[in-house]
């Protein structure tokens, strides 16, 4: 009689004795999978037991734990969630969380109740079957529970709401986050017994307050999946990027990538299951399969969000260049960051770390500004420098204008409109995926150094293996510099045609495209990006290797090249 009375009360009004459930429920437990009785709608249910509430509650002979708890607990010691970005201090599960885990850690029989003998289940089921609902005793891949969530934590984290701003039905148990903060075990009006909808991550945003999120494309995009495997949203009922929101990348339970609850452990997989052309508009994955690329597949578990802005441990991941919480479609002019670079750390031109880059080149500097592991320069130069921050400095004798415009009044010859002497370029003007329809950025290319277009270089054999000049051979240079005028000698070095066409000497043989540091070169010897390729250009018979700028379109060289000794040769 008492059990029947208790069941009726719970079915009609929710569990009147559970913290957080002292309110009338719109839906009862009867039609949910938590009805483990023989009448339950799920596949996991008792063989013959008809009472519904008995699996969790009993009016008599209950455990000391509220609310009239009737299920044996496992007593397990759990492996807890941990992350370098976690400011909370999760403890061993307590409160209502330990009650949920009585079934959901998979160690205790579902029918192991306290008030009477064990209840048998159909189809040979004893404990929670393997799958997403079985959290196991390893909670390191689950949203943490049983931690204090107070104003001190929200302030320390900086991206959590003050607990006073958390509104019903999301709630804390005392001051702690517990399973019931997100799940209502007595009703399932949304999905997974969530207390409120996870659509557009409404549940997540009840507590989390991510910087940049409100303007992020990952919040607003209506892109859908085209049905080609893999399914990027295998764990949700939603079909657009905006509706999946946080769960485009994260999985709150049994996450494949434990740190920060990513769907997959290989970091790039969390991006490429959309950015493979099956949901996102551009196919980045195709670029990542090209010969020359930022090889995100080569590293797993090396990147850390709190790492030094100057990358110490060599790696590259999508999130080194993109902040998935911040990316948006806004445009900009060089050198300012564009929307897809918003909120990414960097190194500024002074060599100091910045939490959020202002200029695009600052993101590149994280790896390409003097790191000890940086690869050797692609070309053997008379003046060797692999720190591009020093090469692009606007105080240099010459440089490509990435940080700022040219620093002298000399006319820049033969530029193709809209380029002028005051133009500033992005690094991606040269380093980017090849192909007119490819996604922006240096993801991958068929050309060395992830060049956007063909940029041929000499291999040391100046004649036999020289490059036949053509618009295609030097497409990268000719994308800004007028080929016809250059070869005619108009307003530039008058011997371009002789060197590039007749002698088949690539542009790269004389010109260092990034620039020459002011601490290594000077305006007399290193104007016009002159820094000789020493595999091709050798000292003159007098032992001198030098270019001397003698004014507009005038100079002389001391060197040996294309079978000729210049000691010196003037023009």
Protein backbone atom coordinates (compact mmCIF):
# COMPACT_ATOMS: atom_id res chain seq x y z
CA UNK A 1 0.00 0.00 0.00
CA UNK A 2 2.72 2.47 0.98
CA UNK A 3 4.76 1.69 -2.14
CA UNK A 4 1.73 2.17 -4.37
CA UNK A 5 0.98 5.49 -2.66
CA UNK A 6 4.56 6.66 -3.14
CA UNK A 7 4.53 5.69 -6.80
CA UNK A 8 1.32 7.61 -7.43
CA UNK A 9 2.68 10.72 -5.76
CA UNK A 10 5.91 10.65 -7.72
CA UNK A 11 4.17 9.93 -11.01
CA UNK A 12 1.80 12.83 -10.59
CA UNK A 13 4.02 15.45 -8.98
CA UNK A 14 7.64 14.49 -9.49
CA UNK A 15 9.85 13.30 -6.67
CA UNK A 16 8.61 15.52 -3.86
CA UNK A 17 11.64 14.80 -1.73
CA UNK A 18 14.41 15.35 -4.31
CA UNK A 19 16.31 18.65 -4.15
CA UNK A 20 15.35 20.63 -7.22
CA UNK A 21 12.18 18.67 -7.94
CA UNK A 22 9.68 20.37 -5.65
CA UNK A 23 7.47 21.38 -8.54
CA UNK A 24 4.76 19.86 -10.69
CA UNK A 25 6.21 18.09 -13.72
CA UNK A 26 4.70 18.44 -17.17
CA UNK A 27 5.70 14.87 -17.98
CA UNK A 28 5.87 11.82 -15.72
CA UNK A 29 8.52 9.14 -15.56
CA UNK A 30 6.11 6.55 -16.98
CA UNK A 31 6.96 7.09 -20.63
CA UNK A 32 10.70 7.50 -20.16
CA UNK A 33 13.56 5.02 -20.13
CA UNK A 34 13.86 5.55 -16.38
CA UNK A 35 10.70 3.51 -16.08
CA UNK A 36 12.60 0.26 -15.60
CA UNK A 37 9.47 -1.74 -14.77
CA UNK A 38 8.06 -4.36 -17.09
CA UNK A 39 5.84 -1.63 -18.60
CA UNK A 40 8.78 0.63 -19.45
CA UNK A 41 9.20 1.81 -23.08
CA UNK A 42 12.96 1.13 -23.25
CA UNK A 43 14.83 -2.05 -24.10
CA UNK A 44 16.38 -2.20 -20.62
CA UNK A 45 13.60 -3.20 -18.21
CA UNK A 46 12.60 -5.70 -15.56
CA UNK A 47 11.31 -9.14 -16.40
CA UNK A 48 8.21 -8.89 -14.23
CA UNK A 49 8.43 -6.05 -11.69
CA UNK A 50 5.49 -3.69 -12.23
CA UNK A 51 6.33 -0.98 -9.72
CA UNK A 52 8.07 2.00 -11.26
CA UNK A 53 9.68 3.95 -8.43
CA UNK A 54 11.04 0.98 -6.53
CA UNK A 55 14.29 0.96 -8.55
CA UNK A 56 15.35 4.22 -6.89
CA UNK A 57 13.03 4.98 -3.97
CA UNK A 58 11.23 3.22 -1.13
CA UNK A 59 9.20 4.54 1.82
CA UNK A 60 10.77 1.96 4.17
CA UNK A 61 14.15 0.32 4.64
CA UNK A 62 15.87 2.92 2.46
CA UNK A 63 19.53 3.90 2.71
CA UNK A 64 20.45 6.94 4.85
CA UNK A 65 20.84 8.93 1.64
CA UNK A 66 17.94 11.12 0.62
CA UNK A 67 15.55 10.94 -1.14
CA UNK A 68 14.45 7.60 0.40
CA UNK A 69 17.17 5.97 -1.66
CA UNK A 70 16.65 2.32 -2.51
CA UNK A 71 19.54 1.34 -4.73
CA UNK A 72 22.92 -0.08 -3.78
CA UNK A 73 25.81 2.23 -4.60
CA UNK A 74 29.04 0.95 -6.03
CA UNK A 75 31.56 2.48 -3.65
CA UNK A 76 33.90 2.90 -6.63
CA UNK A 77 36.80 5.32 -6.72
CA UNK A 78 36.37 7.36 -9.88
CA UNK A 79 38.92 8.76 -12.29
CA UNK A 80 38.04 12.45 -12.45
CA UNK A 81 38.03 14.96 -15.26
CA UNK A 82 41.18 17.05 -15.45
CA UNK A 83 42.37 19.75 -17.81
CA UNK A 84 44.92 22.57 -17.90
CA UNK A 85 42.03 24.98 -18.50
CA UNK A 86 39.94 23.74 -15.56
CA UNK A 87 39.69 26.16 -12.63
CA UNK A 88 37.17 24.08 -10.68
CA UNK A 89 38.26 21.32 -8.30
CA UNK A 90 36.11 18.23 -8.92
CA UNK A 91 36.03 15.73 -6.08
CA UNK A 92 34.84 12.17 -5.84
CA UNK A 93 31.13 12.21 -6.76
CA UNK A 94 28.78 12.99 -3.90
CA UNK A 95 25.24 14.24 -3.39
CA UNK A 96 22.77 13.17 -6.05
CA UNK A 97 25.60 12.44 -8.51
CA UNK A 98 26.66 9.34 -6.58
CA UNK A 99 23.03 8.19 -6.74
CA UNK A 100 22.95 8.51 -10.53
CA UNK A 101 26.21 6.62 -10.79
CA UNK A 102 24.67 3.73 -8.86
CA UNK A 103 23.36 2.64 -12.25
CA UNK A 104 25.35 4.74 -14.71
CA UNK A 105 28.86 3.60 -13.79
CA UNK A 106 27.94 0.07 -14.89
CA UNK A 107 29.33 -1.70 -11.82
CA UNK A 108 26.16 -2.45 -9.85
CA UNK A 109 23.21 -4.58 -11.00
CA UNK A 110 20.26 -2.43 -12.03
CA UNK A 111 17.96 -4.53 -9.87
CA UNK A 112 20.17 -4.45 -6.76
CA UNK A 113 17.75 -2.60 -4.48
CA UNK A 114 17.81 -2.37 -0.70
CA UNK A 115 14.19 -2.88 0.36
CA UNK A 116 13.95 -6.46 -0.92
CA UNK A 117 15.62 -9.10 -3.08
CA UNK A 118 17.19 -8.19 -6.41
CA UNK A 119 14.95 -7.57 -9.40
CA UNK A 120 15.73 -9.55 -12.54
CA UNK A 121 15.89 -7.89 -15.96
CA UNK A 122 14.88 -9.18 -19.37
CA UNK A 123 17.24 -10.24 -22.16
CA UNK A 124 19.93 -11.21 -19.67
CA UNK A 125 20.64 -7.61 -18.69
CA UNK A 126 22.22 -7.13 -15.27
CA UNK A 127 24.23 -3.89 -15.23
CA UNK A 128 23.95 -0.84 -17.48
CA UNK A 129 24.79 -2.02 -21.01
CA UNK A 130 27.87 -0.63 -22.70
CA UNK A 131 27.22 2.58 -24.58
CA UNK A 132 26.99 6.32 -24.08
CA UNK A 133 24.76 5.98 -21.00
CA UNK A 134 27.32 3.79 -19.22
CA UNK A 135 29.82 6.34 -17.93
CA UNK A 136 32.03 3.67 -16.29
CA UNK A 137 34.21 4.61 -13.34
CA UNK A 138 36.40 6.71 -15.65
CA UNK A 139 34.79 10.15 -15.52
CA UNK A 140 37.74 11.88 -17.15
CA UNK A 141 35.75 11.99 -20.39
CA UNK A 142 32.59 13.41 -18.79
CA UNK A 143 31.51 16.87 -17.70
CA UNK A 144 32.83 17.26 -14.15
CA UNK A 145 30.44 17.10 -11.20
CA UNK A 146 30.59 17.52 -7.43
CA UNK A 147 32.59 20.75 -7.50
CA UNK A 148 31.93 24.10 -5.87
CA UNK A 149 30.53 26.64 -8.30
CA UNK A 150 30.64 29.98 -6.56
CA UNK A 151 31.56 33.59 -7.33
CA UNK A 152 35.24 32.84 -6.64
CA UNK A 153 35.24 30.18 -9.38
CA UNK A 154 33.38 32.31 -11.91
CA UNK A 155 35.82 35.18 -11.36
CA UNK A 156 38.89 32.93 -11.61
CA UNK A 157 37.62 31.28 -14.79
CA UNK A 158 36.48 34.49 -16.46
CA UNK A 159 34.10 32.69 -18.82
CA UNK A 160 31.57 31.27 -16.35
CA UNK A 161 28.49 33.15 -15.24
CA UNK A 162 28.21 34.24 -11.65
CA UNK A 163 26.09 31.57 -9.94
CA UNK A 164 23.52 34.25 -9.08
CA UNK A 165 22.86 34.58 -12.82
CA UNK A 166 22.02 30.90 -13.33
CA UNK A 167 18.27 30.61 -13.79
CA UNK A 168 15.83 27.73 -13.35
CA UNK A 169 15.51 24.97 -14.40
CA UNK A 170 19.31 24.75 -14.37
CA UNK A 171 20.33 24.81 -10.74
CA UNK A 172 23.05 23.96 -8.27
CA UNK A 173 22.75 21.45 -5.45
CA UNK A 174 23.79 23.66 -2.60
CA UNK A 175 26.82 25.33 -4.18
CA UNK A 176 27.80 22.33 -6.27
CA UNK A 177 27.30 21.24 -9.84
CA UNK A 178 25.78 17.76 -9.79
CA UNK A 179 24.15 15.52 -12.38
CA UNK A 180 20.75 17.05 -11.55
CA UNK A 181 22.07 20.49 -12.50
CA UNK A 182 21.62 19.41 -16.10
CA UNK A 183 19.45 16.27 -15.92
CA UNK A 184 15.95 15.69 -14.53
CA UNK A 185 15.66 11.94 -13.91
CA UNK A 186 11.87 12.04 -13.66
CA UNK A 187 11.04 13.58 -17.04
CA UNK A 188 12.48 13.61 -20.50
CA UNK A 189 10.68 16.42 -22.28
CA UNK A 190 13.80 17.39 -24.25
CA UNK A 191 16.36 14.62 -24.75
CA UNK A 192 18.71 12.70 -22.45
CA UNK A 193 16.60 13.87 -19.48
CA UNK A 194 18.01 17.38 -19.82
CA UNK A 195 16.38 20.02 -17.66
CA UNK A 196 16.21 22.35 -20.65
CA UNK A 197 16.90 22.10 -24.36
CA UNK A 198 20.42 21.68 -25.67
CA UNK A 199 19.35 23.27 -28.97
CA UNK A 200 21.74 26.12 -29.80
CA UNK A 201 23.51 25.05 -26.59
CA UNK A 202 20.95 26.79 -24.41
CA UNK A 203 21.81 24.41 -21.58
CA UNK A 204 25.56 25.02 -21.89
CA UNK A 205 25.06 28.77 -22.00
CA UNK A 206 23.15 28.65 -18.72
CA UNK A 207 26.58 28.54 -17.04
CA UNK A 208 29.21 29.16 -19.71
CA UNK A 209 29.78 32.67 -21.05
CA UNK A 210 32.37 32.30 -23.77
CA UNK A 211 34.19 35.38 -25.01
CA UNK A 212 33.36 36.16 -28.68
CA UNK A 213 30.65 33.48 -28.85
CA UNK A 214 27.73 35.76 -29.61
CA UNK A 215 29.27 36.83 -32.92
CA UNK A 216 30.79 33.48 -33.85
CA UNK A 217 29.86 31.73 -37.07
CA UNK A 218 29.61 28.51 -35.07
CA UNK A 219 26.69 30.10 -33.24
CA UNK A 220 24.90 31.52 -36.26
CA UNK A 221 25.58 29.30 -39.29
CA UNK A 222 22.61 27.46 -40.81
CA UNK A 223 24.84 25.02 -42.71
CA UNK A 224 23.62 21.42 -42.71
CA UNK A 225 25.33 18.07 -43.15
CA UNK A 226 25.06 16.60 -46.67
CA UNK A 227 24.76 13.02 -45.42
CA UNK A 228 28.23 11.84 -46.45
CA UNK A 229 30.07 10.03 -43.65
CA UNK A 230 31.24 10.80 -41.08
CA UNK A 231 28.21 12.32 -39.38
CA UNK A 232 29.52 15.37 -37.50
CA UNK A 233 26.50 15.32 -35.17
CA UNK A 234 26.27 11.63 -34.31
CA UNK A 235 25.45 12.44 -30.69
CA UNK A 236 22.73 15.08 -31.12
CA UNK A 237 19.26 15.34 -32.69
CA UNK A 238 20.02 18.65 -34.43
CA UNK A 239 20.83 19.29 -38.07
CA UNK A 240 22.50 22.71 -38.37
CA UNK A 241 25.71 24.22 -37.11
CA UNK A 242 23.80 26.86 -35.14
CA UNK A 243 21.53 24.35 -33.45
CA UNK A 244 24.42 22.08 -32.48
CA UNK A 245 26.54 25.03 -31.32
CA UNK A 246 28.93 23.72 -28.63
CA UNK A 247 28.26 20.13 -29.65
CA UNK A 248 29.69 20.74 -33.09
CA UNK A 249 32.97 20.02 -31.32
CA UNK A 250 32.21 18.86 -27.77
CA UNK A 251 30.53 15.79 -26.30
CA UNK A 252 29.59 16.15 -22.62
CA UNK A 253 29.69 12.40 -21.86
CA UNK A 254 32.11 9.69 -22.99
CA UNK A 255 33.98 12.21 -25.10
CA UNK A 256 36.56 10.77 -27.48
CA UNK A 257 38.97 13.57 -26.62
CA UNK A 258 38.97 13.76 -22.83
CA UNK A 259 40.66 17.12 -22.50
CA UNK A 260 37.98 19.77 -22.92
CA UNK A 261 35.48 17.02 -23.82
CA UNK A 262 36.17 17.07 -27.55
CA UNK A 263 34.31 14.60 -29.75
CA UNK A 264 37.58 13.06 -30.96
CA UNK A 265 41.04 12.77 -29.50
CA UNK A 266 42.89 13.82 -32.69
CA UNK A 267 42.23 17.54 -32.48
CA UNK A 268 41.84 18.12 -36.20
CA UNK A 269 39.04 15.54 -36.49
CA UNK A 270 36.80 17.82 -34.46
CA UNK A 271 37.17 20.41 -37.22
CA UNK A 272 37.45 18.28 -40.32
CA UNK A 273 34.23 16.33 -39.87
CA UNK A 274 32.51 19.57 -40.93
CA UNK A 275 35.34 21.23 -42.82
CA UNK A 276 35.69 18.36 -45.25
CA UNK A 277 33.08 19.88 -47.54
CA UNK A 278 30.23 17.89 -46.01
CA UNK A 279 28.90 20.73 -43.86
CA UNK A 280 31.19 23.75 -44.13
CA UNK A 281 31.31 25.57 -47.43
CA UNK A 282 35.02 24.96 -48.04
CA UNK A 283 36.87 21.66 -48.01
CA UNK A 284 39.94 22.17 -45.82
CA UNK A 285 40.59 18.45 -45.48
CA UNK A 286 41.46 18.21 -49.19
CA UNK A 287 44.13 20.86 -48.70
CA UNK A 288 45.52 18.97 -45.72
CA UNK A 289 46.15 15.97 -47.96
CA UNK A 290 48.44 17.89 -50.32
CA UNK A 291 52.21 17.40 -50.35
CA UNK A 292 53.04 20.73 -48.74
CA UNK A 293 50.86 21.61 -45.80
CA UNK A 294 50.57 22.63 -42.20
CA UNK A 295 50.43 19.00 -41.17
CA UNK A 296 47.83 18.85 -38.42
CA UNK A 297 47.75 15.04 -38.71
CA UNK A 298 51.32 14.75 -37.45
CA UNK A 299 50.53 15.79 -33.87
CA UNK A 300 48.05 14.68 -31.21
CA UNK A 301 47.89 15.93 -27.65
CA UNK A 302 50.77 18.39 -27.99
CA UNK A 303 48.83 21.64 -28.33
CA UNK A 304 47.53 23.13 -25.09
CA UNK A 305 45.35 26.26 -24.87
CA UNK A 306 47.50 27.68 -22.08
CA UNK A 307 50.82 27.09 -23.85
CA UNK A 308 53.29 29.88 -24.46
CA UNK A 309 52.27 32.08 -27.40
CA UNK A 310 55.67 31.32 -28.94
CA UNK A 311 55.30 27.62 -29.70
CA UNK A 312 57.97 25.78 -27.74
CA UNK A 313 56.94 22.20 -28.50
CA UNK A 314 56.76 21.93 -32.25
CA UNK A 315 53.25 21.23 -33.55
CA UNK A 316 50.46 22.70 -35.60
CA UNK A 317 46.74 22.27 -35.03
CA UNK A 318 43.72 24.06 -36.47
CA UNK A 319 43.28 25.88 -33.16
CA UNK A 320 46.78 27.34 -33.35
CA UNK A 321 45.45 29.64 -36.06
CA UNK A 322 41.68 29.63 -35.45
CA UNK A 323 39.61 30.15 -32.31
CA UNK A 324 36.46 28.07 -32.88
CA UNK A 325 34.52 30.12 -30.31
CA UNK A 326 35.37 33.35 -32.13
CA UNK A 327 35.58 32.71 -35.89
CA UNK A 328 33.31 34.92 -37.96
CA UNK A 329 32.92 36.15 -41.51
CA UNK A 330 34.08 39.74 -41.03
CA UNK A 331 36.58 41.13 -43.53
CA UNK A 332 39.56 43.43 -43.11
CA UNK A 333 42.50 44.95 -44.94
CA UNK A 334 46.11 43.92 -44.40
CA UNK A 335 47.62 43.61 -41.95
CA UNK A 336 44.54 43.51 -39.67
CA UNK A 337 43.16 40.11 -38.71
CA UNK A 338 40.10 38.81 -40.54
CA UNK A 339 37.11 37.22 -38.88
CA UNK A 340 38.42 33.67 -39.08
CA UNK A 341 41.52 34.75 -37.08
CA UNK A 342 39.62 36.47 -34.26
CA UNK A 343 40.65 35.64 -30.72
CA UNK A 344 43.90 33.82 -31.57
CA UNK A 345 47.08 34.44 -29.60
CA UNK A 346 50.21 35.71 -31.27
CA UNK A 347 53.61 37.37 -31.06
CA UNK A 348 53.73 41.04 -31.95
CA UNK A 349 56.40 42.82 -33.98
CA UNK A 350 58.27 43.68 -30.79
CA UNK A 351 58.52 39.98 -29.98
CA UNK A 352 56.02 40.07 -27.11
CA UNK A 353 53.09 37.64 -26.65
CA UNK A 354 49.56 38.95 -27.20
CA UNK A 355 46.45 37.14 -25.95
CA UNK A 356 44.49 38.09 -29.07
CA UNK A 357 46.31 39.05 -32.24
CA UNK A 358 45.50 42.40 -33.83
CA UNK A 359 47.47 41.72 -36.99
CA UNK A 360 47.45 38.56 -39.05
CA UNK A 361 51.23 38.18 -39.14
CA UNK A 362 51.27 37.97 -35.32
CA UNK A 363 49.64 34.54 -35.57
CA UNK A 364 52.31 33.35 -38.01
CA UNK A 365 55.02 34.61 -35.68
CA UNK A 366 54.00 32.06 -33.04
CA UNK A 367 55.97 29.48 -35.04
CA UNK A 368 57.97 31.48 -37.56
CA UNK A 369 59.72 34.05 -35.38
CA UNK A 370 62.92 32.41 -34.22
CA UNK A 371 61.71 29.25 -32.53
CA UNK A 372 64.58 26.88 -31.75
CA UNK A 373 62.89 24.07 -33.68
CA UNK A 374 62.17 26.15 -36.78
CA UNK A 375 63.31 24.46 -40.00
CA UNK A 376 66.26 25.86 -41.89
CA UNK A 377 65.57 28.50 -44.51
CA UNK A 378 64.31 27.05 -47.77
CA UNK A 379 67.11 28.77 -49.68
CA UNK A 380 70.79 28.94 -48.72
CA UNK A 381 71.37 32.69 -48.41
CA UNK A 382 74.40 34.91 -48.13
CA UNK A 383 72.70 36.41 -45.08
CA UNK A 384 70.97 33.61 -43.18
CA UNK A 385 67.81 34.42 -41.24
CA UNK A 386 64.86 32.19 -40.31
CA UNK A 387 63.12 34.65 -38.00
CA UNK A 388 60.51 36.22 -40.26
CA UNK A 389 59.70 38.84 -37.62
CA UNK A 390 63.18 40.30 -38.18
CA UNK A 391 62.87 39.95 -41.95
CA UNK A 392 59.61 41.92 -42.12
CA UNK A 393 60.64 44.80 -39.85
CA UNK A 394 59.90 48.15 -41.48
CA UNK A 395 63.33 49.46 -40.44
CA UNK A 396 65.03 46.95 -42.76
CA UNK A 397 66.95 47.98 -45.88
CA UNK A 398 64.29 46.14 -47.91
CA UNK A 399 61.33 43.90 -47.15
CA UNK A 400 58.03 42.74 -48.53
CA UNK A 401 55.39 44.98 -46.92
CA UNK A 402 53.67 42.59 -44.50
CA UNK A 403 54.02 44.54 -41.25
CA UNK A 404 53.66 47.95 -42.88
CA UNK A 405 54.25 49.84 -46.14
CA UNK A 406 57.65 50.57 -47.60
CA UNK A 407 59.81 52.94 -45.58
CA UNK A 408 61.41 54.95 -48.37
CA UNK A 409 60.36 57.07 -51.31
CA UNK A 410 61.94 54.90 -54.05
CA UNK A 411 59.42 54.09 -56.75
CA UNK A 412 58.37 50.45 -56.73
CA UNK A 413 58.46 49.47 -60.38
CA UNK A 414 56.00 47.47 -62.38
CA UNK A 415 53.33 46.72 -59.80
CA UNK A 416 49.99 45.44 -61.04
CA UNK A 417 46.95 47.37 -59.83
CA UNK A 418 45.61 47.64 -57.21
CA UNK A 419 49.11 47.25 -55.72
CA UNK A 420 50.99 50.49 -55.10
CA UNK A 421 54.08 51.58 -53.19
CA UNK A 422 51.90 51.90 -50.07
CA UNK A 423 50.26 48.46 -50.32
CA UNK A 424 50.48 46.14 -47.32
CA UNK A 425 50.19 42.39 -47.85
CA UNK A 426 49.05 39.42 -45.82
CA UNK A 427 51.44 36.47 -45.48
CA UNK A 428 48.71 34.60 -47.36
CA UNK A 429 49.33 36.74 -50.44
CA UNK A 430 52.10 34.21 -51.11
CA UNK A 431 51.55 31.34 -48.67
CA UNK A 432 48.09 29.84 -49.16
CA UNK A 433 46.31 26.86 -50.64
CA UNK A 434 46.69 26.68 -54.39
CA UNK A 435 43.60 26.83 -56.59
CA UNK A 436 41.20 29.70 -57.16
CA UNK A 437 38.35 28.04 -55.26
CA UNK A 438 40.43 26.75 -52.34
CA UNK A 439 39.73 27.99 -48.81
CA UNK A 440 41.76 30.96 -47.69
CA UNK A 441 44.89 30.36 -45.70
CA UNK A 442 48.02 28.19 -45.83
CA UNK A 443 46.33 24.83 -45.28
CA UNK A 444 48.04 22.91 -48.09
CA UNK A 445 49.45 23.34 -51.58
CA UNK A 446 51.00 21.43 -54.43
CA UNK A 447 53.84 23.95 -54.34
CA UNK A 448 56.75 23.93 -51.83
CA UNK A 449 56.57 26.21 -48.79
CA UNK A 450 52.76 26.16 -49.21
CA UNK A 451 52.95 28.69 -52.00
CA UNK A 452 49.70 29.90 -53.49
CA UNK A 453 51.13 29.85 -57.02
CA UNK A 454 54.19 28.45 -58.81
CA UNK A 455 57.48 29.89 -57.55
CA UNK A 456 60.41 28.04 -59.09
CA UNK A 457 63.90 28.17 -57.65
CA UNK A 458 67.31 27.10 -58.91
CA UNK A 459 68.78 23.86 -57.61
CA UNK A 460 72.42 24.85 -57.88
CA UNK A 461 73.03 23.83 -61.49
CA UNK A 462 72.74 27.22 -63.08
CA UNK A 463 72.43 26.20 -66.72
CA UNK A 464 71.54 22.56 -67.28
CA UNK A 465 68.79 22.62 -64.68
CA UNK A 466 67.86 26.27 -65.11
CA UNK A 467 64.21 27.20 -65.34
CA UNK A 468 62.70 28.23 -68.64
CA UNK A 469 60.98 31.53 -68.04
CA UNK A 470 57.22 31.66 -68.52
CA UNK A 471 54.19 33.28 -66.96
CA UNK A 472 53.46 29.97 -65.22
CA UNK A 473 57.01 29.37 -63.94
CA UNK A 474 56.98 32.55 -61.87
CA UNK A 475 53.24 32.91 -61.45
CA UNK A 476 53.63 33.98 -57.83
CA UNK A 477 55.93 36.91 -58.62
CA UNK A 478 53.94 37.86 -61.69
CA UNK A 479 50.72 38.01 -59.68
CA UNK A 480 51.91 41.39 -58.34
CA UNK A 481 54.77 42.39 -60.65
CA UNK A 482 54.08 43.15 -64.31
CA UNK A 483 55.91 40.51 -66.34
CA UNK A 484 56.03 42.49 -69.59
CA UNK A 485 57.52 45.58 -67.99
CA UNK A 486 60.00 43.63 -65.91
CA UNK A 487 61.42 41.74 -68.86
CA UNK A 488 61.54 44.94 -70.92
CA UNK A 489 63.56 46.60 -68.18
CA UNK A 490 61.01 49.36 -67.72
CA UNK A 491 61.65 51.26 -64.47
CA UNK A 492 63.65 48.37 -63.04
CA UNK A 493 66.89 46.42 -63.30
CA UNK A 494 67.59 46.57 -67.08
CA UNK A 495 69.12 43.06 -67.19
CA UNK A 496 66.09 41.13 -65.89
CA UNK A 497 65.42 39.56 -69.29
CA UNK A 498 69.05 38.49 -69.73
CA UNK A 499 69.15 36.83 -66.32
CA UNK A 500 65.68 35.32 -66.12
CA UNK A 501 65.06 34.45 -69.78
CA UNK A 502 68.46 34.00 -71.41
CA UNK A 503 70.40 32.64 -68.44
CA UNK A 504 67.34 30.96 -66.90
CA UNK A 505 68.13 32.37 -63.47
CA UNK A 506 65.10 32.30 -61.14
CA UNK A 507 64.01 35.42 -59.26
CA UNK A 508 64.87 33.61 -56.03
CA UNK A 509 68.56 33.46 -56.97
CA UNK A 510 69.06 37.16 -56.26
CA UNK A 511 65.98 38.15 -54.25
CA UNK A 512 65.11 37.06 -50.72
CA UNK A 513 61.32 37.50 -50.71
CA UNK A 514 60.75 38.14 -47.00
CA UNK A 515 63.39 40.78 -46.39
CA UNK A 516 66.83 41.45 -44.95
CA UNK A 517 67.20 42.32 -41.27
CA UNK A 518 68.68 45.73 -40.52
CA UNK A 519 71.07 44.04 -38.07
CA UNK A 520 72.52 41.95 -40.90
CA UNK A 521 72.22 44.00 -44.07
CA UNK A 522 72.27 47.59 -45.27
CA UNK A 523 70.63 49.77 -47.90
CA UNK A 524 73.70 49.74 -50.15
CA UNK A 525 74.13 45.99 -50.45
CA UNK A 526 70.64 44.72 -49.73
CA UNK A 527 68.16 47.06 -51.34
CA UNK A 528 65.53 45.52 -53.61
CA UNK A 529 65.56 42.33 -51.51
CA UNK A 530 68.99 41.33 -52.81
CA UNK A 531 70.40 38.43 -50.77
CA UNK A 532 72.09 35.90 -53.01
CA UNK A 533 71.35 32.18 -53.17
CA UNK A 534 74.79 30.78 -52.36
CA UNK A 535 74.16 27.44 -54.05
CA UNK A 536 74.11 29.37 -57.34
CA UNK A 537 75.96 32.63 -56.80
CA UNK A 538 79.63 32.35 -55.81
CA UNK A 539 82.30 34.93 -54.94
CA UNK A 540 84.08 36.72 -57.76
CA UNK A 541 87.64 35.95 -58.78
CA UNK A 542 88.63 38.53 -56.18
CA UNK A 543 86.88 36.55 -53.46
CA UNK A 544 84.06 39.11 -53.12
CA UNK A 545 80.35 38.37 -53.06
CA UNK A 546 78.50 41.68 -53.01
CA UNK A 547 75.87 43.83 -54.67
CA UNK A 548 76.23 47.60 -54.53
CA UNK A 549 73.24 49.88 -55.06
CA UNK A 550 74.41 53.04 -56.84
CA UNK A 551 71.07 54.78 -57.23
CA UNK A 552 67.96 54.40 -59.38
CA UNK A 553 68.46 51.54 -61.87
CA UNK A 554 72.25 51.65 -61.30
CA UNK A 555 74.50 49.23 -59.45
CA UNK A 556 77.35 46.73 -59.66
CA UNK A 557 77.91 43.13 -58.64
CA UNK A 558 80.97 41.26 -57.41
CA UNK A 559 80.20 37.58 -57.97
CA UNK A 560 80.45 34.55 -60.23
CA UNK A 561 77.22 33.31 -61.78
CA UNK A 562 75.91 31.73 -64.99
CA UNK A 563 79.53 31.10 -66.02
CA UNK A 564 80.51 34.75 -65.76
CA UNK A 565 82.92 36.46 -63.39
CA UNK A 566 81.75 39.89 -62.22
CA UNK A 567 84.62 41.62 -60.44
CA UNK A 568 82.71 43.90 -60.62
CA UNK A 569 80.16 44.23 -63.42
CA UNK A 570 78.23 47.49 -63.51
CA UNK A 571 74.89 48.31 -65.10
